[in-house]
């Protein structure tokens, strides 16, 4: 238990905790209300009798969702987008960040690529040009139209690039001694 030297420190901490609790509840109460509405009967929800706890408990809306073919198709598209997008995002970010973290003598033109990525991050295309690019590349009506535009997040690449730059040089030297030729 924390011991306070003065009452002002205790009072300050108490006010901060109280404000955080109020803020947390203000975020949690709407979520609880929506969940209670979804688990209540239609008549109770329409009559306005549902607040934070379900009234006339039912899971009928969830049964309807699970049996709806369009919902399951949309769920499957979301799962594919997360798996493909996350995997592609991870692979491209690590490869790009590692390459851009190398010295100029090891990767000629590194600064040009870096400026290109920063420019693309600062002046990203809006929705209409993205539509025309996706249409021109033949990606319409495919999962790749959802995955490819966000495949390389530049901000994450810069963060990871700086991480790679801050690794000790001895790790690279050790890798070269162990026979890894990608680091040369």
N, C-alpha and C. Protein backbone atom coordinates (compact mmCIF):
# COMPACT_ATOMS: atom_id res chain seq x y z
N UNK A 1 0.84 -1.17 0.00
CA UNK A 1 0.00 0.00 0.00
C UNK A 1 0.88 1.23 0.00
N UNK A 2 0.47 2.22 -0.75
CA UNK A 2 1.26 3.44 -0.89
C UNK A 2 0.99 4.38 0.28
N UNK A 3 2.08 4.92 0.82
CA UNK A 3 1.93 5.89 1.91
C UNK A 3 2.14 7.29 1.34
N UNK A 4 1.26 8.19 1.72
CA UNK A 4 1.33 9.56 1.22
C UNK A 4 1.98 10.46 2.24
N UNK A 5 2.84 11.38 1.75
CA UNK A 5 3.50 12.32 2.64
C UNK A 5 2.57 13.46 3.02
N UNK A 6 1.76 13.88 2.05
CA UNK A 6 0.85 15.00 2.34
C UNK A 6 -0.55 14.64 1.90
N UNK A 7 -1.51 15.38 2.44
CA UNK A 7 -2.91 15.18 2.06
C UNK A 7 -3.15 15.65 0.63
N UNK A 8 -2.39 16.62 0.17
CA UNK A 8 -2.59 17.11 -1.20
C UNK A 8 -2.24 16.03 -2.22
N UNK A 9 -1.20 15.24 -1.95
CA UNK A 9 -0.87 14.12 -2.85
C UNK A 9 -1.99 13.08 -2.85
N UNK A 10 -2.50 12.76 -1.68
CA UNK A 10 -3.60 11.80 -1.57
C UNK A 10 -4.84 12.33 -2.29
N UNK A 11 -5.15 13.59 -2.10
CA UNK A 11 -6.32 14.18 -2.73
C UNK A 11 -6.17 14.20 -4.25
N UNK A 12 -4.99 14.57 -4.72
CA UNK A 12 -4.75 14.59 -6.16
C UNK A 12 -4.92 13.20 -6.76
N UNK A 13 -4.30 12.18 -6.15
CA UNK A 13 -4.43 10.81 -6.66
C UNK A 13 -5.88 10.34 -6.61
N UNK A 14 -6.61 10.70 -5.58
CA UNK A 14 -8.01 10.31 -5.46
C UNK A 14 -8.85 10.94 -6.56
N UNK A 15 -8.61 12.19 -6.86
CA UNK A 15 -9.36 12.87 -7.93
C UNK A 15 -9.03 12.25 -9.29
N UNK A 16 -7.76 11.94 -9.51
CA UNK A 16 -7.37 11.32 -10.78
C UNK A 16 -8.04 9.96 -10.94
N UNK A 17 -8.04 9.15 -9.89
CA UNK A 17 -8.66 7.83 -9.95
C UNK A 17 -10.16 7.97 -10.17
N UNK A 18 -10.80 8.90 -9.50
CA UNK A 18 -12.24 9.12 -9.66
C UNK A 18 -12.55 9.54 -11.09
N UNK A 19 -11.77 10.45 -11.67
CA UNK A 19 -12.00 10.88 -13.05
C UNK A 19 -11.79 9.74 -14.04
N UNK A 20 -10.78 8.90 -13.79
CA UNK A 20 -10.56 7.75 -14.66
C UNK A 20 -11.70 6.75 -14.57
N UNK A 21 -12.23 6.54 -13.38
CA UNK A 21 -13.39 5.65 -13.22
C UNK A 21 -14.61 6.20 -13.95
N UNK A 22 -14.85 7.48 -13.83
CA UNK A 22 -15.99 8.10 -14.52
C UNK A 22 -15.82 7.98 -16.03
N UNK A 23 -14.62 8.26 -16.51
CA UNK A 23 -14.36 8.15 -17.94
C UNK A 23 -14.52 6.71 -18.41
N UNK A 24 -14.00 5.76 -17.65
CA UNK A 24 -14.14 4.35 -18.01
C UNK A 24 -15.59 3.89 -18.05
N UNK A 25 -16.36 4.32 -17.07
CA UNK A 25 -17.79 3.96 -17.07
C UNK A 25 -18.52 4.62 -18.23
N UNK A 26 -18.16 5.85 -18.57
CA UNK A 26 -18.82 6.51 -19.69
C UNK A 26 -18.52 5.80 -21.00
N UNK A 27 -17.42 5.08 -21.09
CA UNK A 27 -17.12 4.28 -22.27
C UNK A 27 -17.78 2.91 -22.21
N UNK A 28 -17.93 2.36 -21.03
CA UNK A 28 -18.44 1.00 -20.86
C UNK A 28 -19.96 0.93 -20.89
N UNK A 29 -20.64 1.93 -20.38
CA UNK A 29 -22.11 1.88 -20.27
C UNK A 29 -22.79 1.76 -21.63
N UNK A 30 -22.41 2.51 -22.66
CA UNK A 30 -23.06 2.31 -23.96
C UNK A 30 -22.87 0.92 -24.53
N UNK A 31 -21.70 0.34 -24.31
CA UNK A 31 -21.45 -1.01 -24.80
C UNK A 31 -22.35 -2.00 -24.08
N UNK A 32 -22.47 -1.87 -22.76
CA UNK A 32 -23.36 -2.75 -22.00
C UNK A 32 -24.81 -2.60 -22.44
N UNK A 33 -25.21 -1.38 -22.76
CA UNK A 33 -26.58 -1.14 -23.21
C UNK A 33 -26.85 -1.84 -24.54
N UNK A 34 -25.92 -1.77 -25.48
CA UNK A 34 -26.11 -2.43 -26.78
C UNK A 34 -26.15 -3.94 -26.61
N UNK A 35 -25.29 -4.48 -25.78
CA UNK A 35 -25.30 -5.93 -25.53
C UNK A 35 -26.61 -6.35 -24.88
N UNK A 36 -27.10 -5.56 -23.92
CA UNK A 36 -28.37 -5.87 -23.27
C UNK A 36 -29.51 -5.80 -24.27
N UNK A 37 -29.48 -4.83 -25.18
CA UNK A 37 -30.52 -4.74 -26.21
C UNK A 37 -30.49 -5.96 -27.12
N UNK A 38 -29.29 -6.42 -27.48
CA UNK A 38 -29.20 -7.56 -28.38
C UNK A 38 -29.64 -8.86 -27.72
N UNK A 39 -29.58 -8.94 -26.41
CA UNK A 39 -29.97 -10.15 -25.70
C UNK A 39 -31.39 -10.08 -25.12
N UNK A 40 -32.11 -9.00 -25.42
CA UNK A 40 -33.48 -8.83 -24.92
C UNK A 40 -34.48 -9.12 -26.02
N UNK A 41 -35.73 -9.38 -25.61
CA UNK A 41 -36.76 -9.64 -26.60
C UNK A 41 -37.09 -8.36 -27.36
N UNK A 42 -37.69 -8.54 -28.52
CA UNK A 42 -38.01 -7.41 -29.38
C UNK A 42 -39.03 -6.49 -28.73
N UNK A 43 -40.01 -7.07 -28.05
CA UNK A 43 -41.05 -6.25 -27.42
C UNK A 43 -40.47 -5.40 -26.29
N UNK A 44 -39.57 -5.97 -25.50
CA UNK A 44 -38.96 -5.22 -24.41
C UNK A 44 -38.07 -4.10 -24.94
N UNK A 45 -37.36 -4.38 -26.02
CA UNK A 45 -36.47 -3.37 -26.59
C UNK A 45 -37.28 -2.23 -27.20
N UNK A 46 -38.37 -2.56 -27.91
CA UNK A 46 -39.19 -1.51 -28.52
C UNK A 46 -39.97 -0.71 -27.49
N UNK A 47 -40.27 -1.34 -26.37
CA UNK A 47 -40.99 -0.63 -25.31
C UNK A 47 -40.06 0.26 -24.49
N UNK A 48 -38.76 0.14 -24.69
CA UNK A 48 -37.80 0.97 -23.97
C UNK A 48 -37.55 0.53 -22.54
N UNK A 49 -37.74 -0.77 -22.26
CA UNK A 49 -37.55 -1.27 -20.91
C UNK A 49 -36.15 -1.81 -20.66
N UNK A 50 -35.28 -1.78 -21.67
CA UNK A 50 -33.94 -2.35 -21.54
C UNK A 50 -32.94 -1.23 -21.29
N UNK A 51 -32.13 -1.41 -20.24
CA UNK A 51 -31.09 -0.42 -19.94
C UNK A 51 -29.72 -1.10 -19.95
N UNK A 52 -29.29 -1.64 -18.84
CA UNK A 52 -27.97 -2.28 -18.77
C UNK A 52 -28.04 -3.79 -18.59
N UNK A 53 -29.24 -4.30 -18.38
CA UNK A 53 -29.42 -5.73 -18.15
C UNK A 53 -30.50 -6.24 -19.10
N UNK A 54 -30.31 -7.42 -19.74
CA UNK A 54 -31.33 -7.91 -20.67
C UNK A 54 -32.68 -8.16 -19.99
N UNK A 55 -33.75 -7.84 -20.71
CA UNK A 55 -35.11 -8.09 -20.26
C UNK A 55 -35.71 -9.12 -21.20
N UNK A 56 -36.30 -10.18 -20.65
CA UNK A 56 -36.85 -11.30 -21.43
C UNK A 56 -35.75 -11.86 -22.34
N UNK A 57 -34.74 -12.45 -21.71
CA UNK A 57 -33.53 -12.94 -22.38
C UNK A 57 -33.85 -13.82 -23.58
N UNK A 58 -33.16 -13.53 -24.69
CA UNK A 58 -33.27 -14.34 -25.90
C UNK A 58 -32.00 -14.20 -26.73
N UNK A 59 -31.67 -15.26 -27.46
CA UNK A 59 -30.51 -15.21 -28.36
C UNK A 59 -30.97 -15.32 -29.81
N UNK A 60 -32.22 -15.05 -30.08
CA UNK A 60 -32.77 -15.15 -31.43
C UNK A 60 -32.01 -14.30 -32.45
N UNK A 61 -31.64 -13.05 -32.14
CA UNK A 61 -30.89 -12.29 -33.15
C UNK A 61 -29.57 -12.95 -33.55
N UNK A 62 -28.93 -13.62 -32.61
CA UNK A 62 -27.67 -14.28 -32.93
C UNK A 62 -27.91 -15.54 -33.75
N UNK A 63 -29.03 -16.23 -33.51
CA UNK A 63 -29.38 -17.39 -34.33
C UNK A 63 -29.63 -16.96 -35.77
N UNK A 64 -30.30 -15.83 -35.94
CA UNK A 64 -30.57 -15.31 -37.28
C UNK A 64 -29.25 -14.96 -37.98
N UNK A 65 -28.33 -14.34 -37.26
CA UNK A 65 -27.03 -13.99 -37.86
C UNK A 65 -26.25 -15.22 -38.30
N UNK A 66 -26.20 -16.22 -37.45
CA UNK A 66 -25.40 -17.42 -37.75
C UNK A 66 -25.99 -18.19 -38.92
N UNK A 67 -27.30 -18.16 -39.09
CA UNK A 67 -27.92 -18.89 -40.19
C UNK A 67 -28.01 -18.07 -41.47
N UNK A 68 -27.68 -16.79 -41.42
CA UNK A 68 -27.74 -15.94 -42.60
C UNK A 68 -26.49 -16.15 -43.46
N UNK A 69 -26.68 -16.56 -44.70
CA UNK A 69 -25.54 -16.85 -45.59
C UNK A 69 -24.74 -15.59 -45.91
N UNK A 70 -25.40 -14.47 -46.09
CA UNK A 70 -24.68 -13.23 -46.42
C UNK A 70 -23.81 -12.77 -45.25
N UNK A 71 -24.29 -12.94 -44.03
CA UNK A 71 -23.48 -12.58 -42.87
C UNK A 71 -22.25 -13.47 -42.79
N UNK A 72 -22.42 -14.76 -42.98
CA UNK A 72 -21.29 -15.68 -42.89
C UNK A 72 -20.28 -15.40 -44.02
N UNK A 73 -20.78 -15.03 -45.20
CA UNK A 73 -19.88 -14.67 -46.29
C UNK A 73 -19.09 -13.41 -45.94
N UNK A 74 -19.77 -12.42 -45.37
CA UNK A 74 -19.08 -11.19 -44.95
C UNK A 74 -18.07 -11.47 -43.85
N UNK A 75 -18.43 -12.35 -42.93
CA UNK A 75 -17.49 -12.72 -41.86
C UNK A 75 -16.26 -13.41 -42.44
N UNK A 76 -16.46 -14.29 -43.43
CA UNK A 76 -15.35 -14.98 -44.06
C UNK A 76 -14.44 -14.00 -44.79
N UNK A 77 -15.02 -13.01 -45.46
CA UNK A 77 -14.22 -11.97 -46.13
C UNK A 77 -13.39 -11.20 -45.11
N UNK A 78 -13.99 -10.90 -43.95
CA UNK A 78 -13.25 -10.19 -42.90
C UNK A 78 -12.10 -11.03 -42.37
N UNK A 79 -12.33 -12.31 -42.19
CA UNK A 79 -11.27 -13.19 -41.69
C UNK A 79 -10.14 -13.27 -42.71
N UNK A 80 -10.48 -13.43 -43.99
CA UNK A 80 -9.46 -13.49 -45.03
C UNK A 80 -8.68 -12.18 -45.10
N UNK A 81 -9.39 -11.07 -44.96
CA UNK A 81 -8.72 -9.77 -45.03
C UNK A 81 -7.73 -9.60 -43.87
N UNK A 82 -8.13 -10.04 -42.69
CA UNK A 82 -7.23 -9.91 -41.54
C UNK A 82 -6.02 -10.82 -41.69
N UNK A 83 -6.24 -12.06 -42.10
CA UNK A 83 -5.13 -13.01 -42.21
C UNK A 83 -4.18 -12.61 -43.35
N UNK A 84 -4.74 -12.38 -44.54
CA UNK A 84 -3.89 -12.00 -45.67
C UNK A 84 -3.27 -10.63 -45.47
N UNK A 85 -4.08 -9.67 -45.04
CA UNK A 85 -3.58 -8.31 -44.85
C UNK A 85 -2.54 -8.24 -43.75
N UNK A 86 -2.79 -8.91 -42.65
CA UNK A 86 -1.83 -8.90 -41.55
C UNK A 86 -0.53 -9.59 -41.92
N UNK A 87 -0.64 -10.73 -42.59
CA UNK A 87 0.56 -11.44 -43.01
C UNK A 87 1.38 -10.66 -44.02
N UNK A 88 0.71 -10.13 -45.03
CA UNK A 88 1.39 -9.34 -46.05
C UNK A 88 1.98 -8.07 -45.45
N UNK A 89 1.23 -7.45 -44.56
CA UNK A 89 1.69 -6.24 -43.88
C UNK A 89 2.96 -6.53 -43.09
N UNK A 90 2.97 -7.60 -42.33
CA UNK A 90 4.13 -7.96 -41.52
C UNK A 90 5.35 -8.26 -42.37
N UNK A 91 5.16 -9.06 -43.40
CA UNK A 91 6.28 -9.45 -44.26
C UNK A 91 6.87 -8.23 -44.97
N UNK A 92 6.02 -7.42 -45.60
CA UNK A 92 6.52 -6.26 -46.34
C UNK A 92 7.15 -5.22 -45.42
N UNK A 93 6.58 -5.02 -44.25
CA UNK A 93 7.13 -4.03 -43.32
C UNK A 93 8.51 -4.45 -42.84
N UNK A 94 8.68 -5.71 -42.48
CA UNK A 94 9.99 -6.18 -41.98
C UNK A 94 11.03 -6.13 -43.08
N UNK A 95 10.68 -6.61 -44.28
CA UNK A 95 11.65 -6.62 -45.38
C UNK A 95 12.06 -5.20 -45.75
N UNK A 96 11.09 -4.32 -45.89
CA UNK A 96 11.38 -2.94 -46.28
C UNK A 96 12.18 -2.22 -45.19
N UNK A 97 11.78 -2.39 -43.95
CA UNK A 97 12.47 -1.71 -42.86
C UNK A 97 13.91 -2.21 -42.74
N UNK A 98 14.13 -3.50 -42.90
CA UNK A 98 15.50 -4.01 -42.81
C UNK A 98 16.35 -3.46 -43.94
N UNK A 99 15.82 -3.45 -45.15
CA UNK A 99 16.59 -2.93 -46.28
C UNK A 99 16.90 -1.45 -46.10
N UNK A 100 15.93 -0.67 -45.64
CA UNK A 100 16.15 0.77 -45.48
C UNK A 100 17.00 1.11 -44.27
N UNK A 101 17.22 0.16 -43.38
CA UNK A 101 18.05 0.43 -42.21
C UNK A 101 19.54 0.25 -42.51
N UNK A 102 19.86 -0.28 -43.67
CA UNK A 102 21.25 -0.52 -44.03
C UNK A 102 21.95 0.79 -44.38
N UNK A 103 23.26 0.77 -44.35
CA UNK A 103 24.07 1.93 -44.70
C UNK A 103 23.94 2.22 -46.19
N UNK A 104 24.25 3.45 -46.57
CA UNK A 104 24.15 3.87 -47.98
C UNK A 104 25.09 3.04 -48.86
N UNK A 105 26.25 2.65 -48.34
CA UNK A 105 27.18 1.84 -49.14
C UNK A 105 26.65 0.43 -49.38
N UNK A 106 25.84 -0.08 -48.45
CA UNK A 106 25.26 -1.42 -48.60
C UNK A 106 23.99 -1.41 -49.46
N UNK A 107 23.30 -0.29 -49.49
CA UNK A 107 22.05 -0.19 -50.25
C UNK A 107 22.03 1.16 -50.97
N UNK A 108 22.66 1.22 -52.14
CA UNK A 108 22.68 2.49 -52.88
C UNK A 108 21.27 2.93 -53.24
N UNK A 109 21.01 4.21 -53.09
CA UNK A 109 19.68 4.74 -53.40
C UNK A 109 18.69 4.61 -52.27
N UNK A 110 19.20 4.26 -51.10
CA UNK A 110 18.32 4.09 -49.94
C UNK A 110 17.55 5.36 -49.63
N UNK A 111 18.20 6.50 -49.73
CA UNK A 111 17.54 7.77 -49.41
C UNK A 111 16.41 8.08 -50.39
N UNK A 112 16.60 7.72 -51.65
CA UNK A 112 15.55 7.96 -52.65
C UNK A 112 14.31 7.14 -52.30
N UNK A 113 14.50 5.88 -51.97
CA UNK A 113 13.37 5.04 -51.57
C UNK A 113 12.70 5.58 -50.31
N UNK A 114 13.50 6.02 -49.37
CA UNK A 114 12.95 6.54 -48.12
C UNK A 114 12.12 7.79 -48.38
N UNK A 115 12.63 8.70 -49.18
CA UNK A 115 11.87 9.92 -49.50
C UNK A 115 10.60 9.59 -50.27
N UNK A 116 10.66 8.60 -51.12
CA UNK A 116 9.45 8.17 -51.85
C UNK A 116 8.39 7.67 -50.87
N UNK A 117 8.79 6.86 -49.90
CA UNK A 117 7.83 6.34 -48.91
C UNK A 117 7.27 7.46 -48.04
N UNK A 118 8.13 8.37 -47.61
CA UNK A 118 7.65 9.48 -46.78
C UNK A 118 6.69 10.37 -47.58
N UNK A 119 7.01 10.62 -48.84
CA UNK A 119 6.11 11.41 -49.69
C UNK A 119 4.76 10.71 -49.83
N UNK A 120 4.80 9.40 -50.04
CA UNK A 120 3.54 8.64 -50.17
C UNK A 120 2.75 8.66 -48.87
N UNK A 121 3.45 8.68 -47.74
CA UNK A 121 2.75 8.73 -46.45
C UNK A 121 2.10 10.11 -46.25
N UNK A 122 2.82 11.17 -46.59
CA UNK A 122 2.30 12.51 -46.35
C UNK A 122 1.21 12.90 -47.34
N UNK A 123 1.33 12.46 -48.58
CA UNK A 123 0.38 12.84 -49.61
C UNK A 123 -0.29 11.60 -50.19
N UNK A 124 -0.97 10.85 -49.34
CA UNK A 124 -1.62 9.62 -49.77
C UNK A 124 -2.78 9.90 -50.71
N UNK A 125 -3.03 8.95 -51.58
CA UNK A 125 -4.10 9.10 -52.56
C UNK A 125 -5.45 9.00 -51.87
N UNK A 126 -6.41 9.73 -52.40
CA UNK A 126 -7.76 9.65 -51.85
C UNK A 126 -8.48 8.44 -52.45
N UNK A 127 -9.73 8.32 -52.16
CA UNK A 127 -10.49 7.13 -52.53
C UNK A 127 -10.66 6.97 -54.04
N UNK A 128 -10.90 8.06 -54.75
CA UNK A 128 -11.15 7.96 -56.20
C UNK A 128 -9.91 7.49 -56.96
N UNK A 129 -8.72 8.06 -56.73
CA UNK A 129 -7.54 7.51 -57.42
C UNK A 129 -7.27 6.05 -57.07
N UNK A 130 -7.50 5.67 -55.81
CA UNK A 130 -7.31 4.26 -55.44
C UNK A 130 -8.25 3.37 -56.24
N UNK A 131 -9.48 3.83 -56.44
CA UNK A 131 -10.45 3.06 -57.22
C UNK A 131 -9.94 2.84 -58.63
N UNK A 132 -9.43 3.90 -59.26
CA UNK A 132 -8.94 3.78 -60.63
C UNK A 132 -7.71 2.88 -60.71
N UNK A 133 -6.84 2.93 -59.73
CA UNK A 133 -5.66 2.06 -59.71
C UNK A 133 -6.09 0.60 -59.57
N UNK A 134 -7.00 0.34 -58.67
CA UNK A 134 -7.47 -1.03 -58.46
C UNK A 134 -8.19 -1.55 -59.70
N UNK A 135 -8.96 -0.71 -60.32
CA UNK A 135 -9.67 -1.11 -61.54
C UNK A 135 -8.68 -1.37 -62.68
N UNK A 136 -7.66 -0.51 -62.82
CA UNK A 136 -6.69 -0.66 -63.90
C UNK A 136 -5.81 -1.89 -63.72
N UNK A 137 -5.56 -2.29 -62.49
CA UNK A 137 -4.71 -3.46 -62.26
C UNK A 137 -5.49 -4.77 -62.26
N UNK A 138 -6.80 -4.70 -62.42
CA UNK A 138 -7.60 -5.92 -62.50
C UNK A 138 -7.89 -6.56 -61.15
N UNK A 139 -7.81 -5.80 -60.09
CA UNK A 139 -8.05 -6.35 -58.76
C UNK A 139 -9.51 -6.21 -58.30
N UNK A 140 -10.36 -5.65 -59.16
CA UNK A 140 -11.76 -5.46 -58.76
C UNK A 140 -12.40 -6.80 -58.40
N UNK A 141 -13.26 -6.76 -57.40
CA UNK A 141 -14.01 -7.93 -56.95
C UNK A 141 -13.10 -9.08 -56.49
N UNK A 142 -11.97 -8.73 -55.88
CA UNK A 142 -11.11 -9.75 -55.31
C UNK A 142 -10.70 -9.29 -53.91
N UNK A 143 -10.25 -10.24 -53.13
CA UNK A 143 -9.82 -9.91 -51.77
C UNK A 143 -8.59 -9.02 -51.80
N UNK A 144 -7.82 -9.09 -52.88
CA UNK A 144 -6.60 -8.30 -52.97
C UNK A 144 -6.89 -6.80 -53.09
N UNK A 145 -8.07 -6.45 -53.56
CA UNK A 145 -8.45 -5.03 -53.61
C UNK A 145 -8.59 -4.45 -52.20
N UNK A 146 -8.86 -5.29 -51.22
CA UNK A 146 -8.95 -4.85 -49.83
C UNK A 146 -7.61 -4.92 -49.11
N UNK A 147 -6.73 -5.80 -49.57
CA UNK A 147 -5.49 -6.07 -48.86
C UNK A 147 -4.33 -5.20 -49.37
N UNK A 148 -4.18 -5.09 -50.67
CA UNK A 148 -3.00 -4.45 -51.25
C UNK A 148 -2.86 -2.97 -50.90
N UNK A 149 -3.93 -2.15 -50.93
CA UNK A 149 -3.72 -0.72 -50.64
C UNK A 149 -3.11 -0.42 -49.28
N UNK A 150 -3.32 -1.24 -48.30
CA UNK A 150 -2.74 -1.00 -46.98
C UNK A 150 -1.61 -1.95 -46.63
N UNK A 151 -0.98 -2.52 -47.65
CA UNK A 151 0.00 -3.58 -47.40
C UNK A 151 1.29 -3.09 -46.76
N UNK A 152 1.65 -1.83 -46.97
CA UNK A 152 2.91 -1.33 -46.42
C UNK A 152 2.65 -0.03 -45.66
N UNK A 153 2.41 -0.13 -44.36
CA UNK A 153 2.22 1.10 -43.58
C UNK A 153 3.57 1.78 -43.35
N UNK A 154 3.70 2.97 -43.90
CA UNK A 154 5.00 3.66 -43.88
C UNK A 154 5.42 4.02 -42.46
N UNK A 155 4.49 4.46 -41.64
CA UNK A 155 4.84 4.84 -40.28
C UNK A 155 5.43 3.65 -39.52
N UNK A 156 4.80 2.49 -39.64
CA UNK A 156 5.32 1.29 -38.97
C UNK A 156 6.69 0.90 -39.55
N UNK A 157 6.85 1.11 -40.85
CA UNK A 157 8.14 0.80 -41.48
C UNK A 157 9.24 1.69 -40.92
N UNK A 158 8.93 2.98 -40.73
CA UNK A 158 9.92 3.90 -40.18
C UNK A 158 10.28 3.50 -38.74
N UNK A 159 9.28 3.14 -37.96
CA UNK A 159 9.56 2.71 -36.58
C UNK A 159 10.45 1.47 -36.56
N UNK A 160 10.12 0.49 -37.38
CA UNK A 160 10.91 -0.74 -37.41
C UNK A 160 12.30 -0.50 -37.99
N UNK A 161 12.40 0.41 -38.97
CA UNK A 161 13.69 0.76 -39.54
C UNK A 161 14.60 1.36 -38.47
N UNK A 162 14.05 2.24 -37.65
CA UNK A 162 14.85 2.82 -36.57
C UNK A 162 15.24 1.77 -35.53
N UNK A 163 14.38 0.80 -35.31
CA UNK A 163 14.73 -0.31 -34.41
C UNK A 163 15.93 -1.08 -34.97
N UNK A 164 15.87 -1.41 -36.26
CA UNK A 164 16.98 -2.14 -36.88
C UNK A 164 18.26 -1.32 -36.85
N UNK A 165 18.17 -0.02 -37.03
CA UNK A 165 19.36 0.83 -37.01
C UNK A 165 20.01 0.85 -35.63
N UNK A 166 19.22 0.72 -34.59
CA UNK A 166 19.74 0.79 -33.23
C UNK A 166 20.27 -0.55 -32.70
N UNK A 167 20.15 -1.59 -33.51
CA UNK A 167 20.74 -2.87 -33.09
C UNK A 167 22.25 -2.76 -33.11
N UNK A 168 22.92 -3.41 -32.20
CA UNK A 168 24.39 -3.33 -32.18
C UNK A 168 24.99 -3.91 -33.46
N UNK A 169 26.07 -3.29 -33.91
CA UNK A 169 26.75 -3.74 -35.14
C UNK A 169 27.34 -5.14 -34.96
N UNK A 170 27.58 -5.52 -33.72
CA UNK A 170 28.16 -6.84 -33.46
C UNK A 170 27.23 -7.96 -33.92
N UNK A 171 25.92 -7.70 -33.90
CA UNK A 171 24.98 -8.74 -34.35
C UNK A 171 25.16 -9.00 -35.83
N UNK A 172 25.31 -7.92 -36.62
CA UNK A 172 25.54 -8.08 -38.06
C UNK A 172 26.87 -8.79 -38.31
N UNK A 173 27.91 -8.41 -37.58
CA UNK A 173 29.22 -9.04 -37.75
C UNK A 173 29.16 -10.53 -37.38
N UNK A 174 28.41 -10.84 -36.33
CA UNK A 174 28.26 -12.24 -35.93
C UNK A 174 27.51 -13.04 -36.99
N UNK A 175 26.51 -12.43 -37.59
CA UNK A 175 25.76 -13.11 -38.65
C UNK A 175 26.65 -13.38 -39.86
N UNK A 176 27.50 -12.42 -40.20
CA UNK A 176 28.42 -12.62 -41.33
C UNK A 176 29.40 -13.74 -41.02
N UNK A 177 29.91 -13.79 -39.79
CA UNK A 177 30.82 -14.88 -39.40
C UNK A 177 30.13 -16.24 -39.44
N UNK A 178 28.83 -16.25 -39.16
CA UNK A 178 28.09 -17.51 -39.17
C UNK A 178 27.72 -17.95 -40.59
N UNK A 179 28.02 -17.11 -41.57
CA UNK A 179 27.79 -17.52 -42.95
C UNK A 179 26.57 -16.93 -43.61
N UNK A 180 25.91 -15.97 -43.01
CA UNK A 180 24.75 -15.36 -43.63
C UNK A 180 25.25 -14.33 -44.64
N UNK A 181 24.87 -14.51 -45.89
CA UNK A 181 25.40 -13.63 -46.94
C UNK A 181 24.45 -12.45 -47.22
N UNK A 182 23.26 -12.43 -46.64
CA UNK A 182 22.31 -11.35 -46.91
C UNK A 182 22.73 -10.04 -46.27
N UNK A 183 23.61 -10.09 -45.28
CA UNK A 183 23.99 -8.88 -44.56
C UNK A 183 25.16 -8.15 -45.19
N UNK A 184 25.74 -8.69 -46.22
CA UNK A 184 26.94 -8.06 -46.81
C UNK A 184 26.56 -6.98 -47.77
